[in-house]
Amino acid sequence: MPTEPEALFGSTTHTKPVILFTCIQNAGRSQMASAFCKELLKEGAVSISAGSRPAEHIHPEVVQAMAEVGINLKAYKPQSFQEIGINTADIVVTMGCGEACPVIPSQRHIEWDIPDPIGKSLEEVRVIRDEIKRKVKELVADIREFDRRS
């Protein structure tokens, strides 16, 4: 779902960490990661996702796999970097973008080597979903640890 980009990215004075999850189509991996991050951090951070070449819709298997764990992605739509007006983030997590995703200035850049769910069976998408959830939990734990030390 689109956010208010200028409120999030137009200033370096935001009070919550901004976490950007990216993949090429913004129809699978980055959507799942952002949704898990929102669920785990609640109001403690701003989580958003975007893609360099957004698809028309989120992959149906991704929507179904996420619904199985209580996260509804039906109202979400893939979006481009231009649509969200991104120019900076605290943490940028890329998943298979390679040269396709623009370089976004950040304090921390992370690359996750996670297979693209496009064309995968629901069972394969569940494995990808669970790996993304595991990685997001680790990232959230790192953020919380940093907050405790700050």
N, C-alpha and C. Protein backbone atom coordinates (compact mmCIF):
# COMPACT_ATOMS: atom_id res chain seq x y z
N MET A 1 0.85 -1.17 0.00
CA MET A 1 0.00 0.00 0.00
C MET A 1 0.89 1.23 0.00
N PRO A 2 0.60 2.18 -0.82
CA PRO A 2 1.43 3.38 -0.87
C PRO A 2 1.44 4.11 0.46
N THR A 3 2.53 4.77 0.72
CA THR A 3 2.66 5.54 1.95
C THR A 3 2.82 7.00 1.59
N GLU A 4 3.10 7.82 2.57
CA GLU A 4 3.35 9.23 2.32
C GLU A 4 4.85 9.41 2.17
N PRO A 5 5.37 9.36 0.95
CA PRO A 5 6.82 9.34 0.74
C PRO A 5 7.55 10.54 1.30
N GLU A 6 7.01 11.72 1.15
CA GLU A 6 7.75 12.88 1.64
C GLU A 6 7.88 12.86 3.15
N ALA A 7 6.85 12.37 3.83
CA ALA A 7 6.91 12.29 5.28
C ALA A 7 7.97 11.28 5.71
N LEU A 8 8.15 10.24 4.91
CA LEU A 8 9.09 9.19 5.28
C LEU A 8 10.51 9.47 4.80
N PHE A 9 10.62 9.93 3.54
CA PHE A 9 11.92 9.97 2.92
C PHE A 9 12.41 11.36 2.57
N GLY A 10 11.60 12.36 2.72
CA GLY A 10 12.00 13.70 2.34
C GLY A 10 12.85 14.39 3.38
N SER A 11 13.06 13.76 4.52
CA SER A 11 13.77 14.39 5.62
C SER A 11 14.73 13.41 6.25
N THR A 12 15.81 13.91 6.79
CA THR A 12 16.73 13.04 7.52
C THR A 12 16.47 13.14 9.02
N THR A 13 15.34 13.72 9.39
CA THR A 13 15.05 13.90 10.81
C THR A 13 13.95 12.97 11.30
N HIS A 14 13.67 11.88 10.56
CA HIS A 14 12.63 10.97 11.04
C HIS A 14 13.05 10.35 12.36
N THR A 15 12.07 10.03 13.19
CA THR A 15 12.37 9.51 14.51
C THR A 15 12.35 7.99 14.57
N LYS A 16 11.75 7.34 13.60
CA LYS A 16 11.71 5.88 13.55
C LYS A 16 12.62 5.42 12.41
N PRO A 17 13.26 4.27 12.59
CA PRO A 17 14.09 3.78 11.49
C PRO A 17 13.22 3.46 10.27
N VAL A 18 13.74 3.79 9.10
CA VAL A 18 13.06 3.50 7.84
C VAL A 18 13.77 2.31 7.21
N ILE A 19 13.01 1.25 6.94
CA ILE A 19 13.56 0.02 6.38
C ILE A 19 12.90 -0.19 5.02
N LEU A 20 13.73 -0.27 3.99
CA LEU A 20 13.25 -0.47 2.63
C LEU A 20 13.64 -1.86 2.16
N PHE A 21 12.65 -2.64 1.74
CA PHE A 21 12.88 -3.96 1.18
C PHE A 21 12.65 -3.87 -0.33
N THR A 22 13.61 -4.37 -1.12
CA THR A 22 13.51 -4.26 -2.57
C THR A 22 13.73 -5.58 -3.27
N CYS A 23 13.02 -5.75 -4.36
CA CYS A 23 13.27 -6.82 -5.32
C CYS A 23 12.82 -6.28 -6.68
N ILE A 24 12.95 -7.03 -7.71
CA ILE A 24 12.68 -6.49 -9.04
C ILE A 24 11.20 -6.18 -9.24
N GLN A 25 10.32 -7.16 -9.00
CA GLN A 25 8.90 -6.97 -9.30
C GLN A 25 8.07 -6.44 -8.12
N ASN A 26 8.60 -6.46 -6.93
CA ASN A 26 7.85 -6.04 -5.75
C ASN A 26 6.53 -6.80 -5.65
N ALA A 27 6.58 -8.08 -6.03
CA ALA A 27 5.37 -8.90 -6.06
C ALA A 27 5.50 -10.16 -5.23
N GLY A 28 6.60 -10.27 -4.49
CA GLY A 28 6.82 -11.48 -3.70
C GLY A 28 7.71 -11.24 -2.49
N ARG A 29 9.01 -11.39 -2.69
CA ARG A 29 9.96 -11.34 -1.58
C ARG A 29 9.90 -10.04 -0.77
N SER A 30 9.99 -8.91 -1.45
CA SER A 30 10.03 -7.64 -0.72
C SER A 30 8.69 -7.35 -0.04
N GLN A 31 7.59 -7.76 -0.64
CA GLN A 31 6.28 -7.58 -0.01
C GLN A 31 6.17 -8.42 1.27
N MET A 32 6.63 -9.68 1.19
CA MET A 32 6.58 -10.54 2.37
C MET A 32 7.47 -9.98 3.49
N ALA A 33 8.68 -9.57 3.13
CA ALA A 33 9.62 -9.04 4.12
C ALA A 33 9.06 -7.80 4.81
N SER A 34 8.52 -6.89 4.03
CA SER A 34 7.96 -5.66 4.60
C SER A 34 6.78 -5.97 5.51
N ALA A 35 5.93 -6.89 5.09
CA ALA A 35 4.76 -7.25 5.91
C ALA A 35 5.21 -7.88 7.24
N PHE A 36 6.18 -8.78 7.19
CA PHE A 36 6.68 -9.38 8.44
C PHE A 36 7.31 -8.32 9.33
N CYS A 37 8.06 -7.41 8.75
CA CYS A 37 8.70 -6.34 9.52
C CYS A 37 7.65 -5.47 10.21
N LYS A 38 6.61 -5.10 9.47
CA LYS A 38 5.52 -4.30 10.06
C LYS A 38 4.88 -5.03 11.22
N GLU A 39 4.67 -6.33 11.05
CA GLU A 39 4.04 -7.13 12.10
C GLU A 39 4.92 -7.22 13.34
N LEU A 40 6.22 -7.39 13.14
CA LEU A 40 7.13 -7.59 14.27
C LEU A 40 7.51 -6.29 14.98
N LEU A 41 7.67 -5.22 14.22
CA LEU A 41 8.09 -3.95 14.83
C LEU A 41 6.93 -3.03 15.17
N LYS A 42 5.74 -3.37 14.70
CA LYS A 42 4.54 -2.55 14.94
C LYS A 42 4.83 -1.10 14.58
N GLU A 43 4.75 -0.22 15.54
CA GLU A 43 4.96 1.22 15.29
C GLU A 43 6.42 1.63 15.51
N GLY A 44 7.30 0.65 15.75
CA GLY A 44 8.69 0.98 16.06
C GLY A 44 9.55 1.34 14.88
N ALA A 45 9.05 1.16 13.66
CA ALA A 45 9.81 1.48 12.46
C ALA A 45 8.84 1.67 11.30
N VAL A 46 9.35 2.24 10.23
CA VAL A 46 8.60 2.38 9.00
C VAL A 46 9.16 1.34 8.04
N SER A 47 8.31 0.44 7.60
CA SER A 47 8.73 -0.61 6.67
C SER A 47 8.00 -0.40 5.35
N ILE A 48 8.75 -0.41 4.27
CA ILE A 48 8.18 -0.17 2.95
C ILE A 48 8.90 -1.06 1.95
N SER A 49 8.23 -1.32 0.82
CA SER A 49 8.88 -2.13 -0.21
C SER A 49 8.65 -1.49 -1.57
N ALA A 50 9.56 -1.80 -2.49
CA ALA A 50 9.46 -1.27 -3.85
C ALA A 50 10.25 -2.18 -4.79
N GLY A 51 9.99 -2.00 -6.07
CA GLY A 51 10.69 -2.77 -7.07
C GLY A 51 11.13 -1.91 -8.24
N SER A 52 12.11 -2.40 -8.97
CA SER A 52 12.61 -1.64 -10.11
C SER A 52 11.70 -1.78 -11.33
N ARG A 53 11.04 -2.92 -11.45
CA ARG A 53 10.08 -3.16 -12.53
C ARG A 53 8.85 -3.85 -11.93
N PRO A 54 7.99 -3.09 -11.26
CA PRO A 54 6.87 -3.70 -10.55
C PRO A 54 5.92 -4.49 -11.45
N ALA A 55 5.45 -5.60 -10.91
CA ALA A 55 4.45 -6.42 -11.60
C ALA A 55 3.08 -5.75 -11.47
N GLU A 56 2.10 -6.32 -12.14
CA GLU A 56 0.74 -5.80 -12.06
C GLU A 56 0.10 -6.07 -10.70
N HIS A 57 0.46 -7.21 -10.10
CA HIS A 57 -0.14 -7.61 -8.82
C HIS A 57 0.83 -8.52 -8.08
N ILE A 58 0.57 -8.71 -6.81
CA ILE A 58 1.37 -9.64 -6.01
C ILE A 58 1.04 -11.05 -6.47
N HIS A 59 2.04 -11.90 -6.55
CA HIS A 59 1.84 -13.28 -6.99
C HIS A 59 0.77 -13.94 -6.12
N PRO A 60 -0.21 -14.61 -6.72
CA PRO A 60 -1.29 -15.24 -5.94
C PRO A 60 -0.78 -16.24 -4.89
N GLU A 61 0.28 -16.97 -5.23
CA GLU A 61 0.84 -17.94 -4.26
C GLU A 61 1.42 -17.22 -3.04
N VAL A 62 1.95 -16.03 -3.25
CA VAL A 62 2.49 -15.24 -2.14
C VAL A 62 1.35 -14.76 -1.26
N VAL A 63 0.28 -14.27 -1.88
CA VAL A 63 -0.89 -13.83 -1.11
C VAL A 63 -1.42 -14.99 -0.27
N GLN A 64 -1.54 -16.16 -0.88
CA GLN A 64 -2.06 -17.33 -0.17
C GLN A 64 -1.13 -17.78 0.96
N ALA A 65 0.17 -17.83 0.68
CA ALA A 65 1.13 -18.27 1.69
C ALA A 65 1.14 -17.32 2.89
N MET A 66 1.02 -16.03 2.63
CA MET A 66 1.00 -15.05 3.73
C MET A 66 -0.31 -15.13 4.50
N ALA A 67 -1.42 -15.38 3.81
CA ALA A 67 -2.71 -15.53 4.49
C ALA A 67 -2.67 -16.70 5.47
N GLU A 68 -1.91 -17.74 5.11
CA GLU A 68 -1.79 -18.91 5.99
C GLU A 68 -1.15 -18.57 7.33
N VAL A 69 -0.37 -17.48 7.38
CA VAL A 69 0.26 -17.06 8.64
C VAL A 69 -0.39 -15.79 9.19
N GLY A 70 -1.60 -15.50 8.70
CA GLY A 70 -2.38 -14.40 9.25
C GLY A 70 -2.07 -13.01 8.72
N ILE A 71 -1.40 -12.92 7.58
CA ILE A 71 -1.08 -11.61 7.00
C ILE A 71 -1.80 -11.48 5.66
N ASN A 72 -2.65 -10.47 5.55
CA ASN A 72 -3.45 -10.26 4.36
C ASN A 72 -2.76 -9.26 3.42
N LEU A 73 -2.33 -9.75 2.27
CA LEU A 73 -1.68 -8.89 1.27
C LEU A 73 -2.61 -8.55 0.11
N LYS A 74 -3.88 -8.90 0.19
CA LYS A 74 -4.80 -8.69 -0.93
C LYS A 74 -4.90 -7.22 -1.35
N ALA A 75 -4.82 -6.30 -0.42
CA ALA A 75 -4.96 -4.88 -0.74
C ALA A 75 -3.65 -4.24 -1.20
N TYR A 76 -2.55 -4.97 -1.10
CA TYR A 76 -1.25 -4.42 -1.47
C TYR A 76 -1.03 -4.51 -2.97
N LYS A 77 -0.28 -3.55 -3.49
CA LYS A 77 0.02 -3.50 -4.92
C LYS A 77 1.51 -3.23 -5.09
N PRO A 78 2.15 -3.93 -6.02
CA PRO A 78 3.55 -3.62 -6.30
C PRO A 78 3.72 -2.15 -6.69
N GLN A 79 4.82 -1.57 -6.24
CA GLN A 79 5.08 -0.16 -6.54
C GLN A 79 6.55 0.04 -6.88
N SER A 80 6.79 1.09 -7.63
CA SER A 80 8.14 1.41 -8.07
C SER A 80 8.79 2.38 -7.09
N PHE A 81 10.08 2.56 -7.25
CA PHE A 81 10.82 3.52 -6.44
C PHE A 81 10.29 4.93 -6.69
N GLN A 82 9.91 5.21 -7.93
CA GLN A 82 9.37 6.53 -8.26
C GLN A 82 8.04 6.77 -7.54
N GLU A 83 7.21 5.74 -7.45
CA GLU A 83 5.91 5.89 -6.79
C GLU A 83 6.04 6.23 -5.32
N ILE A 84 7.06 5.69 -4.67
CA ILE A 84 7.21 5.97 -3.23
C ILE A 84 8.14 7.15 -2.99
N GLY A 85 8.75 7.67 -4.04
CA GLY A 85 9.60 8.85 -3.90
C GLY A 85 10.81 8.62 -3.02
N ILE A 86 11.37 7.45 -3.09
CA ILE A 86 12.48 7.07 -2.19
C ILE A 86 13.75 7.82 -2.53
N ASN A 87 14.43 8.32 -1.49
CA ASN A 87 15.76 8.90 -1.72
C ASN A 87 16.73 8.54 -0.61
N THR A 88 16.25 8.01 0.49
CA THR A 88 17.13 7.56 1.57
C THR A 88 16.36 6.63 2.50
N ALA A 89 17.08 5.78 3.20
CA ALA A 89 16.50 4.89 4.20
C ALA A 89 17.59 4.56 5.21
N ASP A 90 17.19 4.13 6.39
CA ASP A 90 18.18 3.72 7.38
C ASP A 90 18.79 2.37 7.02
N ILE A 91 17.90 1.45 6.58
CA ILE A 91 18.34 0.11 6.19
C ILE A 91 17.70 -0.21 4.85
N VAL A 92 18.51 -0.68 3.91
CA VAL A 92 18.01 -1.15 2.62
C VAL A 92 18.35 -2.63 2.51
N VAL A 93 17.32 -3.44 2.29
CA VAL A 93 17.50 -4.88 2.10
C VAL A 93 17.11 -5.20 0.66
N THR A 94 18.08 -5.69 -0.12
CA THR A 94 17.81 -6.06 -1.50
C THR A 94 17.75 -7.58 -1.61
N MET A 95 16.89 -8.03 -2.51
CA MET A 95 16.71 -9.47 -2.70
C MET A 95 16.70 -9.78 -4.19
N GLY A 96 17.87 -10.01 -4.74
CA GLY A 96 17.96 -10.41 -6.13
C GLY A 96 17.87 -9.30 -7.14
N CYS A 97 18.08 -8.08 -6.72
CA CYS A 97 17.99 -6.95 -7.66
C CYS A 97 19.19 -6.87 -8.59
N GLY A 98 20.34 -7.14 -8.06
CA GLY A 98 21.55 -6.94 -8.84
C GLY A 98 21.64 -5.50 -9.29
N GLU A 99 21.91 -5.28 -10.56
CA GLU A 99 22.03 -3.94 -11.11
C GLU A 99 20.67 -3.30 -11.40
N ALA A 100 19.59 -4.07 -11.28
CA ALA A 100 18.26 -3.57 -11.65
C ALA A 100 17.70 -2.55 -10.66
N CYS A 101 18.12 -2.62 -9.40
CA CYS A 101 17.60 -1.69 -8.39
C CYS A 101 18.55 -0.51 -8.23
N PRO A 102 18.01 0.67 -8.07
CA PRO A 102 18.88 1.84 -7.90
C PRO A 102 19.61 1.78 -6.57
N VAL A 103 20.72 2.49 -6.50
CA VAL A 103 21.45 2.59 -5.24
C VAL A 103 20.73 3.63 -4.38
N ILE A 104 20.29 3.21 -3.22
CA ILE A 104 19.58 4.09 -2.30
C ILE A 104 20.51 4.34 -1.11
N PRO A 105 20.84 5.58 -0.83
CA PRO A 105 21.71 5.87 0.31
C PRO A 105 21.08 5.33 1.61
N SER A 106 21.91 4.68 2.40
CA SER A 106 21.43 4.13 3.67
C SER A 106 22.60 4.00 4.64
N GLN A 107 22.26 3.86 5.91
CA GLN A 107 23.28 3.62 6.92
C GLN A 107 23.75 2.17 6.85
N ARG A 108 22.85 1.29 6.37
CA ARG A 108 23.17 -0.13 6.32
C ARG A 108 22.52 -0.74 5.09
N HIS A 109 23.29 -1.49 4.32
CA HIS A 109 22.77 -2.19 3.14
C HIS A 109 22.97 -3.68 3.35
N ILE A 110 21.92 -4.45 3.11
CA ILE A 110 21.96 -5.90 3.29
C ILE A 110 21.46 -6.56 2.01
N GLU A 111 22.14 -7.60 1.56
CA GLU A 111 21.68 -8.38 0.41
C GLU A 111 21.28 -9.76 0.90
N TRP A 112 20.04 -10.14 0.64
CA TRP A 112 19.54 -11.47 0.99
C TRP A 112 19.43 -12.28 -0.29
N ASP A 113 20.09 -13.42 -0.31
CA ASP A 113 20.04 -14.33 -1.45
C ASP A 113 18.86 -15.28 -1.25
N ILE A 114 17.71 -14.85 -1.74
CA ILE A 114 16.47 -15.61 -1.58
C ILE A 114 15.86 -15.81 -2.96
N PRO A 115 15.45 -17.04 -3.27
CA PRO A 115 14.88 -17.31 -4.60
C PRO A 115 13.61 -16.49 -4.84
N ASP A 116 13.39 -16.15 -6.10
CA ASP A 116 12.18 -15.44 -6.50
C ASP A 116 11.01 -16.44 -6.50
N PRO A 117 9.88 -16.09 -5.89
CA PRO A 117 8.76 -17.02 -5.86
C PRO A 117 7.98 -17.13 -7.16
N ILE A 118 8.28 -16.30 -8.14
CA ILE A 118 7.52 -16.34 -9.40
C ILE A 118 7.64 -17.73 -10.05
N GLY A 119 6.50 -18.28 -10.39
CA GLY A 119 6.46 -19.58 -11.04
C GLY A 119 6.66 -20.77 -10.11
N LYS A 120 6.77 -20.51 -8.82
CA LYS A 120 6.99 -21.59 -7.84
C LYS A 120 5.64 -22.12 -7.35
N SER A 121 5.64 -23.35 -6.89
CA SER A 121 4.44 -23.95 -6.31
C SER A 121 4.18 -23.31 -4.94
N LEU A 122 2.98 -23.49 -4.44
CA LEU A 122 2.65 -22.96 -3.12
C LEU A 122 3.58 -23.53 -2.05
N GLU A 123 3.90 -24.81 -2.16
CA GLU A 123 4.81 -25.43 -1.20
C GLU A 123 6.19 -24.76 -1.24
N GLU A 124 6.70 -24.46 -2.42
CA GLU A 124 8.00 -23.78 -2.55
C GLU A 124 7.92 -22.35 -2.02
N VAL A 125 6.80 -21.69 -2.25
CA VAL A 125 6.62 -20.31 -1.75
C VAL A 125 6.58 -20.31 -0.22
N ARG A 126 6.00 -21.34 0.37
CA ARG A 126 5.99 -21.44 1.85
C ARG A 126 7.41 -21.50 2.40
N VAL A 127 8.28 -22.24 1.72
CA VAL A 127 9.68 -22.34 2.16
C VAL A 127 10.35 -20.97 2.05
N ILE A 128 10.11 -20.26 0.95
CA ILE A 128 10.66 -18.91 0.77
C ILE A 128 10.11 -17.98 1.84
N ARG A 129 8.80 -18.04 2.08
CA ARG A 129 8.15 -17.21 3.12
C ARG A 129 8.80 -17.44 4.47
N ASP A 130 9.01 -18.68 4.83
CA ASP A 130 9.58 -18.99 6.14
C ASP A 130 11.02 -18.51 6.26
N GLU A 131 11.78 -18.58 5.16
CA GLU A 131 13.16 -18.07 5.17
C GLU A 131 13.16 -16.55 5.33
N ILE A 132 12.26 -15.89 4.63
CA ILE A 132 12.16 -14.43 4.76
C ILE A 132 11.77 -14.06 6.19
N LYS A 133 10.82 -14.76 6.76
CA LYS A 133 10.41 -14.47 8.14
C LYS A 133 11.58 -14.64 9.10
N ARG A 134 12.37 -15.70 8.91
CA ARG A 134 13.54 -15.94 9.77
C ARG A 134 14.52 -14.78 9.65
N LYS A 135 14.78 -14.34 8.43
CA LYS A 135 15.73 -13.24 8.23
C LYS A 135 15.20 -11.92 8.79
N VAL A 136 13.91 -11.68 8.64
CA VAL A 136 13.32 -10.45 9.19
C VAL A 136 13.40 -10.49 10.72
N LYS A 137 13.14 -11.64 11.32
CA LYS A 137 13.25 -11.75 12.79
C LYS A 137 14.67 -11.41 13.25
N GLU A 138 15.66 -11.89 12.52
CA GLU A 138 17.06 -11.58 12.87
C GLU A 138 17.32 -10.09 12.73
N LEU A 139 16.83 -9.48 11.66
CA LEU A 139 17.00 -8.05 11.45
C LEU A 139 16.32 -7.25 12.56
N VAL A 140 15.11 -7.62 12.92
CA VAL A 140 14.38 -6.94 13.99
C VAL A 140 15.13 -7.07 15.32
N ALA A 141 15.67 -8.26 15.59
CA ALA A 141 16.46 -8.45 16.82
C ALA A 141 17.67 -7.53 16.83
N ASP A 142 18.34 -7.39 15.68
CA ASP A 142 19.49 -6.48 15.57
C ASP A 142 19.07 -5.04 15.83
N ILE A 143 17.93 -4.63 15.27
CA ILE A 143 17.44 -3.26 15.46
C ILE A 143 17.11 -3.02 16.93
N ARG A 144 16.45 -3.96 17.56
CA ARG A 144 16.09 -3.81 18.97
C ARG A 144 17.33 -3.77 19.86
N GLU A 145 18.33 -4.58 19.54
CA GLU A 145 19.59 -4.58 20.30
C GLU A 145 20.28 -3.22 20.15
N PHE A 146 20.31 -2.70 18.94
CA PHE A 146 20.91 -1.38 18.71
C PHE A 146 20.15 -0.32 19.50
N ASP A 147 18.83 -0.38 19.49
CA ASP A 147 18.01 0.61 20.24
C ASP A 147 18.32 0.55 21.73
N ARG A 148 18.52 -0.65 22.26
CA ARG A 148 18.81 -0.78 23.71
C ARG A 148 20.18 -0.16 24.05
N ARG A 149 21.11 -0.26 23.12
CA ARG A 149 22.45 0.28 23.38
C ARG A 149 22.51 1.79 23.16
N SER A 150 21.59 2.32 22.40
CA SER A 150 21.63 3.75 22.08
C SER A 150 21.09 4.60 23.20
